[in-house]
């Protein structure tokens, strides 16, 4: 009963390309495209779970927004259920809100089985867990509220230790998370779509018509290479397809995809099946911009509250506050009308059981950034975002990149410039040590298989300071990357020359902080300082500040000139 009913739920999914009716994931006319994950330097095919389990019984699948992690988890559920090797259980972690009890996760898993008309008492379920017949899929660790996330991680780890015979897979965005509680879990990375996978996905989600065939051919011939960042991401590729079908254009910038996708979704239900244009919106008095502004208010509030799923009442409460805040009382009679439109007409919110969630979380991020750009003053931007960064509250790099794309100069002035000035001043005053500055440039250093490696190590518990967060934003926006391979080789060659430092290559030096405590590695620290060109970091940041100040000066001069012309 459980296997039959759960497959009925998880084998159907709504797509942006066909939002009227759910599509089948697996089987005839199924839309799923098998993808790869990467473990070390090896590509692992995910058509079945067995290849993943060869790596470890405890796996974390990492990927950015829109890479299809949740789709992959559903695929693993359905394919495992059909093969019969394990009993799959899919747990959507965003639903975990109360973890005060040490067995909260256990109870949630038990409840998820009972949702499918299966009656197992606690003892029976625990006995079945000890048999080792389960594949437990925990989807969306990054969607858990930051304040309780470590507790959820801890309970996942404890569960996998208590019942080690079972298989465990967790999916999550990276977004600076360190997964320090998941000590026995092995990380793999969800790989982007290659060209053939991208074409296959379009052919599966699209209609069998001439437009789809034209887009597929363009994708194969030129679009994939030209727009690889977009075309290799399932969500963005779907948006690209929608935009092309509706407007015969391909947006050049990422932010344009979200704007074009919103336009396409907003327009799509204006036409009925007979081709006669007829607006079906309940909020008929609400224009397209006001509709977007109100939904953006909802996204802004929920994004910074770290809320990703809701009851109908919660959504309507937020909408009611937004109507008041934006003075839309004359255009909307009640919040339920707008709720109905975003759910049934534009389909930015979808029903999931008795709860509601965003069609994709990236929409929440985009509209939150949009609201910040059009409704929040410079003064409030500086204060709010500065406090959020200093207090190390969760804001994804995607949010900052989107906000920058919407208003680059304003973002630089309100968010980045003040922080970078602080860093430069501290460097000049020597308030930041060599090790401090290195930790801004590289989150960790480790020795692995005889190689000195630089970058991010998720097993390392490293606090992200205000200065480091500012630099992370700066690096992401301006696509600044250090050439780690060249640096690595320089240091290794130098070590060979001096020959007076002994290293045990079986021991990982997991962080600069830990490295600092290793007295025998002082020579290595000096080499790191030498070859990372710390002085260049200060010079680069100072130059960037000068550029921003010059831009502002030019804008003011032009503004003064225009005012003078108007007076004349």
Protein backbone atom coordinates (compact mmCIF):
# COMPACT_ATOMS: atom_id res chain seq x y z
CA UNK A 1 0.00 0.00 0.00
CA UNK A 2 2.78 2.42 0.97
CA UNK A 3 4.82 1.77 -2.17
CA UNK A 4 1.80 2.11 -4.46
CA UNK A 5 0.44 5.31 -2.91
CA UNK A 6 3.81 7.00 -2.50
CA UNK A 7 4.71 6.40 -6.14
CA UNK A 8 1.44 8.02 -7.21
CA UNK A 9 2.47 11.17 -5.35
CA UNK A 10 6.17 11.39 -6.12
CA UNK A 11 6.00 10.32 -9.76
CA UNK A 12 4.00 13.41 -10.70
CA UNK A 13 5.34 16.93 -10.78
CA UNK A 14 4.38 20.32 -12.18
CA UNK A 15 6.82 22.08 -14.50
CA UNK A 16 7.08 25.72 -15.50
CA UNK A 17 6.72 24.67 -19.11
CA UNK A 18 3.32 23.05 -18.52
CA UNK A 19 1.83 24.46 -15.34
CA UNK A 20 -1.76 23.46 -16.00
CA UNK A 21 -1.35 19.76 -15.26
CA UNK A 22 1.25 17.65 -13.42
CA UNK A 23 3.62 15.65 -15.59
CA UNK A 24 4.86 12.10 -15.09
CA UNK A 25 8.46 11.92 -13.86
CA UNK A 26 9.30 8.32 -14.83
CA UNK A 27 7.76 6.01 -17.42
CA UNK A 28 6.00 6.66 -20.70
CA UNK A 29 6.12 10.38 -21.53
CA UNK A 30 8.21 10.90 -18.40
CA UNK A 31 10.15 14.16 -18.23
CA UNK A 32 13.10 13.06 -16.11
CA UNK A 33 16.60 13.13 -17.61
CA UNK A 34 19.28 11.03 -15.90
CA UNK A 35 22.14 13.19 -14.63
CA UNK A 36 25.63 12.75 -13.23
CA UNK A 37 27.15 13.61 -9.88
CA UNK A 38 30.84 14.08 -9.25
CA UNK A 39 32.84 12.36 -6.52
CA UNK A 40 36.48 13.47 -6.43
CA UNK A 41 37.34 13.33 -10.15
CA UNK A 42 34.88 10.58 -11.06
CA UNK A 43 31.47 11.02 -12.75
CA UNK A 44 28.74 8.84 -11.26
CA UNK A 45 25.62 8.04 -13.28
CA UNK A 46 22.43 8.29 -11.22
CA UNK A 47 19.99 6.14 -13.16
CA UNK A 48 19.86 3.91 -10.04
CA UNK A 49 20.93 4.41 -6.43
CA UNK A 50 23.40 1.50 -6.50
CA UNK A 51 26.24 3.49 -8.06
CA UNK A 52 25.94 6.14 -5.35
CA UNK A 53 25.98 3.51 -2.64
CA UNK A 54 29.32 2.22 -3.94
CA UNK A 55 30.80 5.50 -2.70
CA UNK A 56 29.22 5.41 0.75
CA UNK A 57 26.05 4.48 2.59
CA UNK A 58 25.81 8.11 3.72
CA UNK A 59 25.78 10.67 0.89
CA UNK A 60 25.23 14.44 0.60
CA UNK A 61 24.29 15.63 -2.88
CA UNK A 62 25.26 19.28 -3.30
CA UNK A 63 24.16 21.68 -6.00
CA UNK A 64 23.13 25.27 -6.59
CA UNK A 65 19.53 26.40 -7.08
CA UNK A 66 17.82 24.97 -10.13
CA UNK A 67 20.23 22.08 -10.69
CA UNK A 68 17.43 19.57 -10.12
CA UNK A 69 18.36 18.15 -6.70
CA UNK A 70 14.74 17.62 -5.64
CA UNK A 71 13.94 16.10 -9.03
CA UNK A 72 16.92 13.73 -8.60
CA UNK A 73 15.69 12.74 -5.12
CA UNK A 74 12.24 11.94 -6.52
CA UNK A 75 13.86 9.95 -9.33
CA UNK A 76 15.90 7.94 -6.82
CA UNK A 77 12.71 7.32 -4.85
CA UNK A 78 10.69 6.09 -7.84
CA UNK A 79 13.50 4.06 -9.47
CA UNK A 80 14.33 2.38 -6.15
CA UNK A 81 10.69 1.61 -5.47
CA UNK A 82 10.35 -0.03 -8.90
CA UNK A 83 13.55 -2.07 -8.58
CA UNK A 84 12.56 -3.29 -5.12
CA UNK A 85 16.06 -3.35 -3.65
CA UNK A 86 15.13 -1.03 -0.80
CA UNK A 87 12.04 0.61 0.64
CA UNK A 88 12.47 4.32 -0.15
CA UNK A 89 11.25 7.07 2.19
CA UNK A 90 11.38 10.70 1.04
CA UNK A 91 11.52 13.32 3.80
CA UNK A 92 11.18 17.00 2.85
CA UNK A 93 13.26 18.63 5.55
CA UNK A 94 11.72 22.08 5.16
CA UNK A 95 8.71 20.66 7.02
CA UNK A 96 10.81 20.27 10.16
CA UNK A 97 10.09 23.23 12.39
CA UNK A 98 10.27 21.77 15.90
CA UNK A 99 13.35 19.75 16.81
CA UNK A 100 13.22 20.14 20.57
CA UNK A 101 12.66 16.41 20.96
CA UNK A 102 15.72 14.26 20.27
CA UNK A 103 13.61 11.83 18.21
CA UNK A 104 11.80 14.52 16.18
CA UNK A 105 13.25 13.26 12.89
CA UNK A 106 12.38 9.65 13.72
CA UNK A 107 8.77 10.70 14.38
CA UNK A 108 8.65 12.69 11.14
CA UNK A 109 9.85 9.68 9.11
CA UNK A 110 7.30 7.47 10.83
CA UNK A 111 4.56 9.99 10.10
CA UNK A 112 5.59 10.24 6.43
CA UNK A 113 4.84 6.53 6.05
CA UNK A 114 1.50 6.77 7.79
CA UNK A 115 0.47 9.53 5.35
CA UNK A 116 0.11 6.78 2.75
CA UNK A 117 -2.50 4.77 4.68
CA UNK A 118 0.02 2.46 6.37
CA UNK A 119 -0.35 1.65 10.04
CA UNK A 120 2.87 0.80 11.90
CA UNK A 121 3.25 1.41 15.60
CA UNK A 122 6.53 2.86 16.86
CA UNK A 123 8.01 -0.50 17.88
CA UNK A 124 7.16 -2.09 14.54
CA UNK A 125 8.69 0.79 12.63
CA UNK A 126 11.88 0.75 14.72
CA UNK A 127 12.17 -3.01 14.21
CA UNK A 128 11.83 -2.54 10.46
CA UNK A 129 14.56 0.13 10.50
CA UNK A 130 16.95 -2.34 12.15
CA UNK A 131 16.44 -4.72 9.22
CA UNK A 132 18.38 -2.39 6.92
CA UNK A 133 15.85 -2.43 4.10
CA UNK A 134 15.35 1.34 3.80
CA UNK A 135 16.68 4.08 1.54
CA UNK A 136 16.11 7.34 3.41
CA UNK A 137 16.12 10.44 1.20
CA UNK A 138 16.33 13.77 3.06
CA UNK A 139 15.58 16.56 0.62
CA UNK A 140 16.47 20.24 1.07
CA UNK A 141 18.67 20.54 4.16
CA UNK A 142 19.36 24.15 3.15
CA UNK A 143 15.63 24.89 3.43
CA UNK A 144 15.65 24.22 7.16
CA UNK A 145 15.73 27.37 9.28
CA UNK A 146 19.29 28.28 10.14
CA UNK A 147 18.59 28.39 13.90
CA UNK A 148 17.64 24.70 14.01
CA UNK A 149 19.66 23.37 11.07
CA UNK A 150 22.51 22.02 13.21
CA UNK A 151 19.98 20.07 15.31
CA UNK A 152 18.49 18.55 12.15
CA UNK A 153 21.98 17.62 10.94
CA UNK A 154 22.72 16.06 14.32
CA UNK A 155 19.54 13.99 14.25
CA UNK A 156 20.28 12.78 10.71
CA UNK A 157 23.77 11.75 11.83
CA UNK A 158 22.48 10.01 14.97
CA UNK A 159 19.80 8.17 12.98
CA UNK A 160 22.33 6.88 10.44
CA UNK A 161 24.61 5.73 13.28
CA UNK A 162 21.78 4.03 15.17
CA UNK A 163 20.50 2.22 12.05
CA UNK A 164 23.67 1.85 9.94
CA UNK A 165 22.33 -1.00 7.81
CA UNK A 166 20.12 1.43 5.86
CA UNK A 167 21.17 3.84 3.09
CA UNK A 168 20.99 7.61 3.54
CA UNK A 169 21.07 10.46 1.01
CA UNK A 170 20.79 14.18 1.85
CA UNK A 171 20.38 16.96 -0.72
CA UNK A 172 21.29 20.59 -0.14
CA UNK A 173 22.62 23.78 -1.61
CA UNK A 174 26.17 24.59 -0.57
CA UNK A 175 25.75 28.33 0.19
CA UNK A 176 28.59 28.42 2.72
CA UNK A 177 27.20 25.54 4.82
CA UNK A 178 29.79 23.31 6.48
CA UNK A 179 27.64 20.25 7.48
CA UNK A 180 29.88 19.84 10.52
CA UNK A 181 27.40 17.53 12.28
CA UNK A 182 27.26 15.11 9.33
CA UNK A 183 30.68 13.70 10.06
CA UNK A 184 30.15 10.31 8.38
CA UNK A 185 28.61 11.71 5.18
CA UNK A 186 30.45 11.89 1.88
CA UNK A 187 29.85 14.86 -0.38
CA UNK A 188 29.12 14.55 -4.09
CA UNK A 189 28.33 17.40 -6.46
CA UNK A 190 25.37 17.47 -8.84
CA UNK A 191 26.83 18.16 -12.28
CA UNK A 192 25.29 20.58 -14.79
CA UNK A 193 23.48 19.24 -17.84
CA UNK A 194 25.70 18.49 -20.81
CA UNK A 195 24.48 19.41 -24.28
CA UNK A 196 22.75 16.11 -25.03
CA UNK A 197 21.01 16.13 -21.62
CA UNK A 198 19.87 19.72 -22.17
CA UNK A 199 18.35 18.89 -25.57
CA UNK A 200 16.72 15.76 -24.14
CA UNK A 201 15.13 17.79 -21.31
CA UNK A 202 13.68 20.36 -23.71
CA UNK A 203 12.22 17.64 -25.91
CA UNK A 204 10.65 15.97 -22.87
CA UNK A 205 9.15 19.06 -21.19
CA UNK A 206 8.17 20.80 -24.43
CA UNK A 207 5.23 20.23 -26.72
CA UNK A 208 5.78 18.14 -29.81
CA UNK A 209 5.47 21.09 -32.15
CA UNK A 210 7.55 23.15 -34.54
CA UNK A 211 8.56 25.75 -31.91
CA UNK A 212 10.04 23.09 -29.65
CA UNK A 213 11.90 21.52 -32.58
CA UNK A 214 13.31 24.92 -33.61
CA UNK A 215 14.47 25.66 -30.05
CA UNK A 216 16.05 22.20 -29.67
CA UNK A 217 18.00 22.65 -32.89
CA UNK A 218 19.16 26.14 -31.85
CA UNK A 219 20.16 24.75 -28.46
CA UNK A 220 22.23 22.00 -30.05
CA UNK A 221 23.79 24.17 -32.78
CA UNK A 222 24.71 27.33 -30.85
CA UNK A 223 22.71 28.23 -27.74
CA UNK A 224 24.24 25.67 -25.38
CA UNK A 225 27.80 26.93 -25.89
CA UNK A 226 26.75 30.59 -25.96
CA UNK A 227 24.60 30.42 -22.82
CA UNK A 228 26.20 27.48 -21.03
CA UNK A 229 25.58 28.83 -17.51
CA UNK A 230 21.87 28.99 -18.28
CA UNK A 231 21.47 26.03 -20.61
CA UNK A 232 23.23 23.61 -18.25
CA UNK A 233 20.85 24.42 -15.38
CA UNK A 234 17.45 22.65 -15.66
CA UNK A 235 15.46 25.51 -14.14
CA UNK A 236 17.14 28.24 -16.18
CA UNK A 237 16.93 26.12 -19.32
CA UNK A 238 13.18 25.74 -18.77
CA UNK A 239 12.91 29.51 -18.38
CA UNK A 240 14.93 29.98 -21.56
CA UNK A 241 12.55 27.65 -23.37
CA UNK A 242 9.42 29.43 -22.02
CA UNK A 243 10.81 32.82 -22.97
CA UNK A 244 11.66 31.64 -26.47
CA UNK A 245 8.24 30.05 -27.02
CA UNK A 246 6.41 33.17 -25.83
CA UNK A 247 8.64 35.91 -27.22
CA UNK A 248 11.14 34.34 -29.64
CA UNK A 249 14.02 35.92 -27.68
CA UNK A 250 16.84 34.68 -25.43
CA UNK A 251 17.68 37.07 -22.54
CA UNK A 252 21.36 37.96 -22.21
CA UNK A 253 21.55 38.29 -18.40
CA UNK A 254 20.46 36.02 -15.56
CA UNK A 255 18.21 38.63 -14.00
CA UNK A 256 16.47 39.01 -17.38
CA UNK A 257 15.50 35.36 -17.22
CA UNK A 258 13.50 35.89 -14.06
CA UNK A 259 11.88 39.03 -15.43
CA UNK A 260 11.05 37.35 -18.74
CA UNK A 261 9.83 34.21 -16.98
CA UNK A 262 7.53 36.27 -14.78
CA UNK A 263 6.17 38.04 -17.86
CA UNK A 264 5.61 34.72 -19.59
CA UNK A 265 3.90 33.14 -16.58
CA UNK A 266 1.78 36.25 -16.06
CA UNK A 267 0.61 36.30 -19.69
CA UNK A 268 0.11 32.60 -20.22
CA UNK A 269 -3.33 32.32 -18.74
CA UNK A 270 -4.75 35.33 -20.53
CA UNK A 271 -5.74 33.15 -23.45
CA UNK A 272 -8.30 30.40 -23.23
CA UNK A 273 -8.24 27.18 -25.21
CA UNK A 274 -10.25 28.73 -28.02
CA UNK A 275 -7.66 31.41 -28.63
CA UNK A 276 -9.86 34.26 -27.43
CA UNK A 277 -8.07 36.49 -24.95
CA UNK A 278 -9.87 36.55 -21.67
CA UNK A 279 -8.26 37.52 -18.37
CA UNK A 280 -9.18 35.06 -15.64
CA UNK A 281 -7.53 36.90 -12.76
CA UNK A 282 -9.64 37.50 -9.68
CA UNK A 283 -7.62 40.65 -8.95
CA UNK A 284 -8.76 42.31 -12.18
CA UNK A 285 -8.08 45.83 -10.92
CA UNK A 286 -4.46 45.00 -10.14
CA UNK A 287 -1.99 45.90 -12.89
CA UNK A 288 0.99 43.75 -13.83
CA UNK A 289 3.47 45.96 -11.90
CA UNK A 290 1.28 46.13 -8.77
CA UNK A 291 0.83 42.35 -8.96
CA UNK A 292 4.62 41.95 -9.07
CA UNK A 293 5.16 44.45 -6.24
CA UNK A 294 2.71 42.67 -3.94
CA UNK A 295 4.16 39.23 -4.62
CA UNK A 296 7.63 40.72 -4.07
CA UNK A 297 6.57 41.98 -0.64
CA UNK A 298 5.48 38.44 0.25
CA UNK A 299 8.81 37.01 -1.00
CA UNK A 300 10.88 39.67 0.78
CA UNK A 301 9.24 39.06 4.14
CA UNK A 302 9.38 35.27 3.92
CA UNK A 303 12.93 35.15 2.52
CA UNK A 304 14.39 37.02 5.49
CA UNK A 305 12.22 35.02 7.90
CA UNK A 306 13.63 31.87 6.24
CA UNK A 307 10.13 30.55 5.55
CA UNK A 308 9.76 28.35 2.48
CA UNK A 309 6.41 26.64 2.94
CA UNK A 310 3.15 27.91 4.34
CA UNK A 311 -0.46 27.29 5.19
CA UNK A 312 -3.09 29.19 3.20
CA UNK A 313 -3.75 31.34 6.28
CA UNK A 314 -0.08 32.30 6.62
CA UNK A 315 0.15 33.37 2.97
CA UNK A 316 -3.02 35.43 3.24
CA UNK A 317 -1.70 37.10 6.39
CA UNK A 318 1.47 38.20 4.57
CA UNK A 319 -0.57 39.34 1.57
CA UNK A 320 -2.89 41.35 3.82
CA UNK A 321 0.10 43.19 5.31
CA UNK A 322 1.47 43.78 1.80
CA UNK A 323 -1.84 45.24 0.59
CA UNK A 324 -1.67 47.71 3.48
CA UNK A 325 2.02 48.48 3.01
CA UNK A 326 1.63 49.17 -0.73
CA UNK A 327 -1.76 50.93 -0.39
CA UNK A 328 -3.59 48.50 -2.69
CA UNK A 329 -6.87 48.34 -0.76
CA UNK A 330 -8.91 49.75 -3.64
CA UNK A 331 -7.55 47.17 -6.10
CA UNK A 332 -7.96 44.04 -3.95
CA UNK A 333 -11.07 43.19 -1.97
CA UNK A 334 -9.40 40.51 0.13
CA UNK A 335 -6.04 38.60 0.33
CA UNK A 336 -7.64 35.31 -0.78
CA UNK A 337 -8.21 36.71 -4.26
CA UNK A 338 -4.50 37.36 -4.71
CA UNK A 339 -3.64 34.01 -3.16
CA UNK A 340 -5.85 32.32 -5.74
CA UNK A 341 -4.13 34.21 -8.60
CA UNK A 342 -0.55 33.39 -7.59
CA UNK A 343 -1.54 29.74 -7.07
CA UNK A 344 -3.91 29.01 -9.95
CA UNK A 345 -3.16 31.62 -12.62
CA UNK A 346 0.52 32.59 -12.45
CA UNK A 347 1.52 29.41 -10.58
CA UNK A 348 4.32 30.96 -8.56
CA UNK A 349 3.02 29.05 -5.52
CA UNK A 350 2.08 25.38 -5.69
CA UNK A 351 0.21 23.09 -3.30
CA UNK A 352 2.19 20.31 -1.66
CA UNK A 353 -0.05 18.14 0.51
CA UNK A 354 -1.79 20.49 2.94
CA UNK A 355 0.92 23.14 2.59
CA UNK A 356 2.07 25.55 -0.10
CA UNK A 357 5.55 26.28 -1.40
CA UNK A 358 7.26 28.30 -4.13
CA UNK A 359 7.36 26.78 -7.60
CA UNK A 360 11.10 27.13 -7.13
CA UNK A 361 12.99 28.85 -4.33
CA UNK A 362 14.94 30.95 -6.79
CA UNK A 363 11.71 32.87 -7.51
CA UNK A 364 11.51 33.79 -3.83
CA UNK A 365 15.13 35.01 -3.95
CA UNK A 366 14.63 37.03 -7.14
CA UNK A 367 11.42 38.75 -6.00
CA UNK A 368 12.93 39.47 -2.56
CA UNK A 369 15.86 41.20 -4.28
CA UNK A 370 13.43 43.04 -6.56
CA UNK A 371 11.47 44.34 -3.57
CA UNK A 372 14.69 45.44 -1.86
CA UNK A 373 15.69 47.37 -4.99
CA UNK A 374 12.41 49.26 -5.58
CA UNK A 375 10.86 49.66 -2.13
CA UNK A 376 13.72 49.99 0.36
CA UNK A 377 15.58 53.28 0.76
CA UNK A 378 19.36 53.66 0.68
CA UNK A 379 19.44 54.33 4.41
CA UNK A 380 17.41 51.23 5.23
CA UNK A 381 19.38 49.07 2.80
CA UNK A 382 22.66 50.04 4.46
CA UNK A 383 21.30 49.47 7.96
CA UNK A 384 19.37 46.25 7.32
CA UNK A 385 21.85 44.40 5.09
CA UNK A 386 24.83 45.58 7.14
CA UNK A 387 23.23 44.21 10.31
CA UNK A 388 22.29 40.94 8.59
CA UNK A 389 25.87 40.37 7.41
CA UNK A 390 27.47 41.37 10.75
CA UNK A 391 25.13 39.10 12.69
CA UNK A 392 25.93 36.26 10.26
CA UNK A 393 22.31 35.70 9.35
CA UNK A 394 21.69 33.62 6.28
CA UNK A 395 21.57 35.50 2.99
CA UNK A 396 22.49 33.50 -0.10
CA UNK A 397 25.07 34.71 -2.57
CA UNK A 398 22.31 34.46 -5.20
CA UNK A 399 20.39 37.23 -3.42
CA UNK A 400 23.37 39.59 -3.44
CA UNK A 401 24.16 38.82 -7.08
CA UNK A 402 20.54 39.48 -8.08
CA UNK A 403 20.41 42.72 -6.10
CA UNK A 404 23.64 43.82 -7.77
CA UNK A 405 22.22 42.96 -11.22
CA UNK A 406 19.14 45.07 -10.50
CA UNK A 407 21.05 48.13 -9.21
CA UNK A 408 24.81 47.71 -9.36
CA UNK A 409 26.01 51.17 -8.35
CA UNK A 410 23.46 51.47 -5.56
CA UNK A 411 24.37 48.03 -4.22
CA UNK A 412 28.07 48.88 -4.25
CA UNK A 413 27.43 52.10 -2.37
CA UNK A 414 24.98 50.66 0.17
CA UNK A 415 26.51 47.26 0.87
CA UNK A 416 30.02 46.64 -0.41
CA UNK A 417 31.89 49.91 -0.19
CA UNK A 418 31.62 50.47 3.55
CA UNK A 419 32.73 46.89 4.31
CA UNK A 420 35.67 46.97 1.91
CA UNK A 421 36.83 50.30 3.36
CA UNK A 422 36.87 48.66 6.79
CA UNK A 423 39.01 45.80 5.47
CA UNK A 424 41.50 48.15 3.76
CA UNK A 425 41.80 50.31 6.91
CA UNK A 426 42.45 47.27 9.08
CA UNK A 427 45.11 46.00 6.67
CA UNK A 428 46.83 49.40 6.58
CA UNK A 429 46.71 49.72 10.38
CA UNK A 430 47.97 46.11 10.71
CA UNK A 431 44.87 45.24 12.73
CA UNK A 432 44.58 42.16 10.54
CA UNK A 433 47.45 39.67 10.89
CA UNK A 434 48.93 37.76 7.98
CA UNK A 435 46.89 34.74 8.96
CA UNK A 436 43.74 36.85 9.22
CA UNK A 437 44.23 38.19 5.72
CA UNK A 438 44.96 34.73 4.36
CA UNK A 439 41.73 33.47 5.90
CA UNK A 440 39.89 36.18 3.96
CA UNK A 441 41.43 35.00 0.71
CA UNK A 442 41.20 31.25 1.28
CA UNK A 443 38.75 29.52 3.54
CA UNK A 444 41.00 26.54 4.12
CA UNK A 445 44.27 24.88 3.25
CA UNK A 446 44.65 21.13 3.35
CA UNK A 447 47.13 18.45 2.39
CA UNK A 448 45.45 15.66 0.49
CA UNK A 449 47.15 12.79 -1.32
CA UNK A 450 50.46 14.59 -1.24
CA UNK A 451 49.05 17.79 -2.69
CA UNK A 452 48.60 21.13 -1.04
CA UNK A 453 45.02 22.23 -1.70
CA UNK A 454 43.27 25.58 -1.28
CA UNK A 455 39.60 26.36 -1.16
CA UNK A 456 36.54 25.28 0.77
CA UNK A 457 36.45 22.19 2.98
CA UNK A 458 33.00 21.37 4.32
CA UNK A 459 34.35 19.23 7.14
CA UNK A 460 36.01 22.28 8.55
CA UNK A 461 34.23 24.39 11.14
CA UNK A 462 35.33 27.87 10.16
CA UNK A 463 33.49 30.95 11.32
CA UNK A 464 32.62 33.33 8.51
CA UNK A 465 33.52 36.78 9.76
CA UNK A 466 31.97 40.04 8.56
CA UNK A 467 35.12 40.79 6.55
CA UNK A 468 35.12 37.38 4.90
CA UNK A 469 31.42 37.63 4.03
CA UNK A 470 32.00 41.02 2.38
CA UNK A 471 34.85 39.56 0.32
CA UNK A 472 32.77 36.50 -0.62
CA UNK A 473 30.09 38.84 -1.98
CA UNK A 474 32.75 40.91 -3.78
CA UNK A 475 34.38 37.83 -5.34
CA UNK A 476 31.04 36.38 -6.46
CA UNK A 477 29.77 39.57 -8.06
CA UNK A 478 32.98 40.42 -9.87
CA UNK A 479 33.87 36.79 -10.61
CA UNK A 480 37.30 37.10 -8.97
CA UNK A 481 39.13 33.82 -8.57
CA UNK A 482 42.60 33.01 -7.31
CA UNK A 483 44.68 30.67 -9.42
CA UNK A 484 45.07 27.98 -6.79
CA UNK A 485 46.90 25.51 -9.02
CA UNK A 486 49.72 27.92 -9.82
CA UNK A 487 50.01 28.90 -6.17
CA UNK A 488 50.01 25.27 -5.09
CA UNK A 489 52.83 24.38 -7.46
CA UNK A 490 54.90 27.40 -6.40
CA UNK A 491 54.72 26.37 -2.77
CA UNK A 492 55.45 22.71 -3.44
CA UNK A 493 58.49 23.65 -5.54
CA UNK A 494 59.74 25.94 -2.77
CA UNK A 495 59.27 23.24 -0.17
CA UNK A 496 61.39 20.93 -2.26
CA UNK A 497 64.11 23.59 -2.34
CA UNK A 498 64.28 24.30 1.38
CA UNK A 499 63.88 20.67 2.38
CA UNK A 500 63.65 21.34 6.10
CA UNK A 501 59.95 20.86 6.62
CA UNK A 502 58.52 17.45 7.26
CA UNK A 503 54.92 16.70 6.39
CA UNK A 504 52.75 13.76 7.09
CA UNK A 505 50.61 13.65 3.98
CA UNK A 506 48.12 11.36 5.70
CA UNK A 507 47.10 14.22 7.99
CA UNK A 508 44.85 16.92 6.61
CA UNK A 509 45.65 20.45 7.71
CA UNK A 510 42.04 21.49 7.45
CA UNK A 511 42.15 25.20 8.00
CA UNK A 512 44.35 28.21 8.27
CA UNK A 513 43.17 28.56 11.84
CA UNK A 514 44.37 25.07 12.65
CA UNK A 515 47.47 25.61 10.56
CA UNK A 516 48.33 28.59 12.72
CA UNK A 517 48.53 26.34 15.77
CA UNK A 518 51.05 24.03 14.11
CA UNK A 519 54.42 25.55 15.08
CA UNK A 520 56.31 23.27 12.75
CA UNK A 521 54.46 24.82 9.84
CA UNK A 522 55.57 28.44 10.34
CA UNK A 523 57.69 28.21 7.20
CA UNK A 524 54.62 27.14 5.24
CA UNK A 525 52.69 30.12 6.57
CA UNK A 526 55.47 32.44 5.38
CA UNK A 527 55.34 30.83 1.95
CA UNK A 528 51.57 31.26 1.81
CA UNK A 529 51.94 34.93 2.71
CA UNK A 530 54.63 35.37 0.06
CA UNK A 531 52.88 33.68 -2.81
CA UNK A 532 49.32 34.86 -2.17
CA UNK A 533 50.56 38.45 -2.59
CA UNK A 534 48.65 39.85 0.36
CA UNK A 535 49.77 43.38 -0.43
CA UNK A 536 48.07 43.02 -3.83
CA UNK A 537 44.75 42.29 -2.08
CA UNK A 538 44.89 45.63 -0.28
CA UNK A 539 45.87 47.46 -3.49
CA UNK A 540 43.06 45.82 -5.48
CA UNK A 541 40.46 46.74 -2.88
CA UNK A 542 41.76 50.33 -2.63
CA UNK A 543 41.57 50.63 -6.42
CA UNK A 544 37.99 49.34 -6.39
CA UNK A 545 37.00 51.96 -3.77
CA UNK A 546 38.59 54.70 -5.91
CA UNK A 547 36.60 53.53 -8.95
CA UNK A 548 33.32 53.68 -6.98
CA UNK A 549 34.07 57.16 -5.66
CA UNK A 550 34.92 58.37 -9.16
CA UNK A 551 31.65 56.90 -10.51
CA UNK A 552 29.69 58.74 -7.85
CA UNK A 553 31.52 61.98 -8.65
CA UNK A 554 30.69 61.63 -12.36
CA UNK A 555 27.03 60.89 -11.60
CA UNK A 556 26.81 63.97 -9.36
CA UNK A 557 28.51 66.19 -11.95
CA UNK A 558 26.11 64.98 -14.64
CA UNK A 559 23.14 65.51 -12.32
CA UNK A 560 24.32 69.06 -11.51
CA UNK A 561 24.77 69.73 -15.24
CA UNK A 562 21.22 68.57 -16.01
CA UNK A 563 19.83 70.77 -13.24
CA UNK A 564 21.75 73.74 -14.64
CA UNK A 565 20.42 73.08 -18.15
CA UNK A 566 16.88 72.91 -16.80
CA UNK A 567 17.35 76.25 -15.03
CA UNK A 568 18.71 77.83 -18.20
